[in-house]
Protein backbone atom coordinates (compact mmCIF):
# COMPACT_ATOMS: atom_id res chain seq x y z
CA VAL A 1 -33.63 2.57 -26.76
CA ARG A 2 -36.38 2.43 -23.96
CA TRP A 3 -33.80 1.14 -21.31
CA MET A 4 -30.97 3.56 -22.65
CA MET A 5 -33.47 6.48 -21.65
CA TYR A 6 -34.25 4.79 -18.13
CA TRP A 7 -30.81 4.19 -17.19
CA ILE A 8 -29.79 7.49 -18.02
CA VAL A 9 -32.76 9.22 -16.19
CA PHE A 10 -32.40 7.00 -13.27
CA ALA A 11 -28.63 7.72 -13.10
CA LEU A 12 -29.45 11.07 -13.12
CA PHE A 13 -32.19 10.88 -10.42
CA MET A 14 -29.60 9.03 -8.43
CA ALA A 15 -26.98 11.50 -8.47
CA THR A 16 -29.34 14.37 -7.56
CA GLU A 17 -31.05 12.24 -4.89
CA THR A 18 -27.86 11.62 -3.11
CA PHE A 19 -27.63 15.48 -2.20
CA THR A 20 -31.46 16.03 -1.80
CA ASP A 21 -31.86 13.20 0.15
CA LEU A 22 -30.01 14.90 3.16
CA LEU A 23 -32.35 17.89 2.77
CA ILE A 24 -35.86 16.52 2.54
CA SER A 25 -35.81 13.06 3.75
CA TRP A 26 -37.71 14.18 6.69
CA PHE A 27 -40.93 15.09 4.76
CA PRO A 28 -43.91 12.51 5.59
CA PHE A 29 -43.98 9.89 2.99
CA TYR A 30 -40.68 10.79 1.29
CA TYR A 31 -39.65 7.29 0.63
CA GLU A 32 -42.99 6.29 -0.44
CA VAL A 33 -42.96 9.09 -3.03
CA LYS A 34 -39.35 8.23 -3.99
CA MET A 35 -40.40 4.65 -4.89
CA ALA A 36 -43.59 5.65 -6.52
CA PHE A 37 -41.53 7.98 -8.68
CA VAL A 38 -39.03 5.08 -9.58
CA LEU A 39 -41.86 2.84 -10.46
CA TRP A 40 -43.53 5.58 -12.73
CA LEU A 41 -39.95 5.66 -14.44
CA LEU A 42 -39.98 2.14 -14.89
CA SER A 43 -43.45 1.36 -15.87
CA PRO A 44 -44.18 0.61 -19.75
CA TYR A 45 -47.45 2.22 -19.21
CA THR A 46 -46.50 5.49 -18.17
CA ARG A 47 -43.25 5.56 -20.07
CA GLY A 48 -42.15 8.07 -17.45
CA ALA A 49 -38.46 7.68 -18.29
CA SER A 50 -39.15 8.45 -22.03
CA LEU A 51 -41.15 11.46 -21.21
CA LEU A 52 -38.32 12.95 -18.89
CA TYR A 53 -35.58 11.93 -21.30
CA ARG A 54 -37.19 13.57 -24.29
CA ARG A 55 -38.57 16.68 -22.45
CA LEU A 56 -35.45 17.34 -20.40
CA VAL A 57 -32.43 15.42 -20.96
CA HIS A 58 -32.28 15.20 -24.68
CA PRO A 59 -32.70 18.90 -25.44
CA THR A 60 -30.08 19.74 -22.74
CA LEU A 61 -27.58 17.24 -24.45
CA THR A 62 -28.45 18.69 -27.91
CA ARG A 63 -27.84 22.40 -26.64
CA LYS A 64 -24.32 21.43 -25.10
CA GLU A 65 -23.46 18.82 -27.78
CA LYS A 66 -20.50 21.09 -28.92
CA ASP A 67 -19.31 21.99 -25.69
CA ILE A 68 -19.35 18.14 -24.57
CA ASP A 69 -17.47 17.13 -27.63
CA THR A 70 -14.73 20.08 -26.96
CA PHE A 71 -14.51 18.60 -23.58
CA LEU A 72 -14.05 15.09 -24.85
CA ILE A 73 -11.36 15.94 -27.23
CA ARG A 74 -9.40 18.10 -24.79
CA THR A 75 -9.74 15.30 -22.20
CA ARG A 76 -8.55 12.65 -24.74
CA GLU A 77 -5.66 14.80 -25.53
CA ARG A 78 -4.72 15.54 -21.87
CA SER A 79 -5.04 11.71 -20.96
CA TYR A 80 -2.59 10.77 -23.95
CA GLU A 81 -0.19 13.52 -22.57
CA MET A 82 -0.61 12.63 -19.09
CA MET A 83 0.12 8.61 -20.10
CA LEU A 84 3.25 9.80 -21.84
CA HIS A 85 4.46 11.92 -19.05
CA CYS A 86 3.91 9.00 -16.57
CA GLY A 87 5.43 6.47 -18.49
CA LYS A 88 8.54 8.64 -19.07
CA ARG A 89 8.77 9.13 -15.21
CA GLY A 90 8.17 5.49 -14.63
CA LEU A 91 11.01 4.38 -16.88
CA ASN A 92 13.19 7.21 -15.26
CA LEU A 93 12.33 5.85 -11.81
CA ALA A 94 13.05 2.24 -12.93
CA ALA A 95 16.37 3.29 -14.83
CA THR A 96 17.52 5.02 -11.71
CA ALA A 97 16.43 1.95 -9.42
CA ALA A 98 18.41 -0.38 -11.69
CA ALA A 99 21.68 1.58 -11.78
CA GLN A 100 21.31 1.92 -7.90
CA ALA A 101 21.17 -1.70 -7.57
CA ALA A 102 23.87 -2.17 -9.90
CA ALA A 103 26.10 0.16 -8.37
CA LYS A 104 25.34 -1.68 -4.92
CA SER A 105 25.88 -5.12 -6.32
CA GLN A 106 29.08 -4.10 -7.87
CA GLY A 107 30.47 -3.64 -4.34
CA ALA A 108 29.32 -6.74 -3.18
CA LEU A 109 30.65 -8.58 -6.28
CA ALA A 110 34.15 -6.92 -5.99
CA GLY A 111 34.38 -7.94 -2.15
CA ARG A 112 33.42 -11.55 -3.22
CA LEU A 113 36.03 -11.56 -5.79
CA ARG A 114 38.73 -10.44 -3.32
CA SER A 115 37.91 -13.30 -1.09
CA PHE A 116 39.78 -15.33 -3.55
CA SER A 117 43.27 -15.02 -2.86
CA MET A 118 46.22 -16.21 -4.58
CA GLN A 119 46.78 -18.74 -1.80
CA ASP A 120 43.39 -20.25 -2.69
CA LEU A 121 44.12 -20.34 -6.41
CA ARG A 122 47.53 -22.13 -5.55
CA LEU A 123 45.59 -24.99 -3.91
CA ILE A 124 43.98 -25.90 -7.09
CA PRO A 125 45.88 -28.78 -8.57
CA ASP A 126 47.56 -28.09 -12.05
CA GLU A 127 46.86 -30.67 -14.68
């Protein structure tokens, strides 16, 4: 559980740090403070990740639990519908490609069969 809390807090930190890094990286000792913060999160003595998770992340997730569940259900339904739509479209494209290939090869087959004239067939000895 401790590692789960750490990785969730660290992921949130990395996501926000991506944007804030552009704005505040010019402050003196910015990178040292950032490294100290990560060590504070990681340290088993300070338990910074547990503290932040229990005070900020968990209450926010608890308040938004119904919204998150609704979003996940809606996303699952949409993804199922999208898979069906893409599957049908893919099968239609494959069927069209197969029909076009068959139509093109049929013309080549007819030309090949025409090359066997009656004269060619008379040359085959009768037994």
